[in-house]
């Protein structure tokens, strides 16, 4: 009996090995966890237009073969060698130079003996892409017009589609055309305009022109800043006076406002010291060119005292111009209202309805 059992086990072992081998013809789902098949380059291999070959590295622990999809390929000479093997290997991909203007594409599938599949896209860029840019830079004045020695447009002559990317921060640059789709030689004109610049610091943006497989082209757009900053105020000192001596019951003065005229050829802003922000307001705090801002002071109830500050108006950033504005506020002596309210004689009495 023991001899019979041993013979049965020995007969079964080769059968078990057959079921676990990666060369089995059983459904691939049953063997996916038992085989290793990896294409190191991933799902796409790219060849330059002038390149005639590339490699594809396979990591495997079983047999495999290569199948090429000829129905979805515009290659007429693509070759992959070897077409089959066992274990890890390096495959050679061969093709002639791509002298056309279009990208060539093909698909190959690596299939393990157990049914695992790895599909790889092979793409060869055009070796006959043509791109000509008429200008490498455009220069503008601060007012937005092109400099006398510079153009406000450039042309692109290409036999392949292209796209222009404007940097996200360059919101001041505007193009009337940013792309072209073509397979034949076409010349396009791109008009470039810029917003006026109210600052003395120049600004620059680089346009990126992408096409096919080639290295992108760049066009630099530069705008000069304002040459000389002009800034003047129609006043250098403001005095606010809160008159509490009206003598009327319940009297409370309103805020006082003074307008200041600004003459400038640039962007300007008003700076308020932090110590004055609780009793003084400026509106608006900034402007461009000639304008007006208002200084607003609420009533001041510290009788016989004064408070003051210095406002600063600044224009420009590279060579800033600064003008200061002195602001002072005082309050008159309190005068008792003209009625018989027993609390009205003491302005600091919390029960005094006329207490400011």
Foldseek 3Di string as FASTA:
>chain_A
DVVVVVVVVVVCVVVVVQVLAQLDQDALVVCVVVKDWDWVVAQEDEAELQDFKDKIKIAIQAKKFKDWDPVPWPAPDWDWPPGIDTGIDMIMIGGHHAQAQQKTKIKMWIAGSSGDIRIHIYIYWHPNKDKDKAAQEWEAELQWHGPPVGDQKIKIWIQAKKFKDWDPVQPQKDWPDGIDHHNGTDMDMIGITGHHAQAQQKDKTWIWMDTIPDDTGIHMYIYGYDPDKDKDKPAQEAEAEAEQAPLAAQDADFKDKDKIKMAIQHKKFKDDPPVCPVFKDKPPGIDHGIDMIMIIGGHDDPAPDKDKDKMWMWGHDPDIDIGIHIYMYHYHDHDFHPDDDVPRVDLPPPPRSNND
